């Protein structure tokens, strides 16, 4: 997989450095690689292979939890970059900061199946070098609850406002304010005496007005779920370090495009994936 850009590499290294010096009650940082051959993009009629490099960090701090993820994607040649030279490349950044009401107040919030209640702030950012030339920025905020399960399972209802770019029309796009129902989980489990985890996230985003082509958007559903096994558990010294597994992506009305009106089929993705993770 080719290097995406100097700026991304610098950003990647700075992120690693900041994680290394961050004080936390607990933290989890890992790098990963995933691959699939059935990704889809609007207006492209065939399946697309993608190689994806990933770094993810989560950790607690005085008032809550920080979460940070970077995906660097490279498509096969049938999803071309704008000026040729191979497949399109994309960088996706996700940041979330969940402020715990229990930590903020010093009193226990939550009872029964609710572990804690909080307020979440964050943003999504991406850049893609295909003909659309996406430059997404999407801040969001809203209430979040943490369910009392092994590992974690969070559910939030977030206000969001998206700004983007359409390279075909040459226009920037400001979408309507809208809401997303978001959930993420990481549950420990075992398969045939091998320890592992079931992790993933899901978003339901309501319609957000008209897109860069003047068409009405549709509600968008994105699910990614992974079953990961602890490959290093066969050696006690490496337990909890290397995970390998399979995943699945379900993405309907991708980017808000109406999948029922997309003759290419590219606005509806159902993609098996292979995933490898190395915990730092």
Foldseek 3Di string as FASTA:
>chain_A
DDDDDPVVVVVVVVVVVVVVPDDFPDKWKKKKKKWWFAAFAFPQQGGKIKIKIKIWMWGADQFGIKIKMKIKMFIAQSQCFAVGPGTKIKIKIWIKTWGWPCSVVVHFDDDDQWRTKTKMWIWMFMAMRHQQGKTKIKIKIFIKTWTPAAFTKMKTKIWMWMWIGGNVVGDIDTWAIWIKIKMWGWHWDDDPNFTWIKTWMKIWIAWTQADPVRDTFHIKIKIKIWTWTQPCVVPVVCGPFKIWTKMWIWIASAVRNHCVPRPSNRRTTIIIMIMIMGID
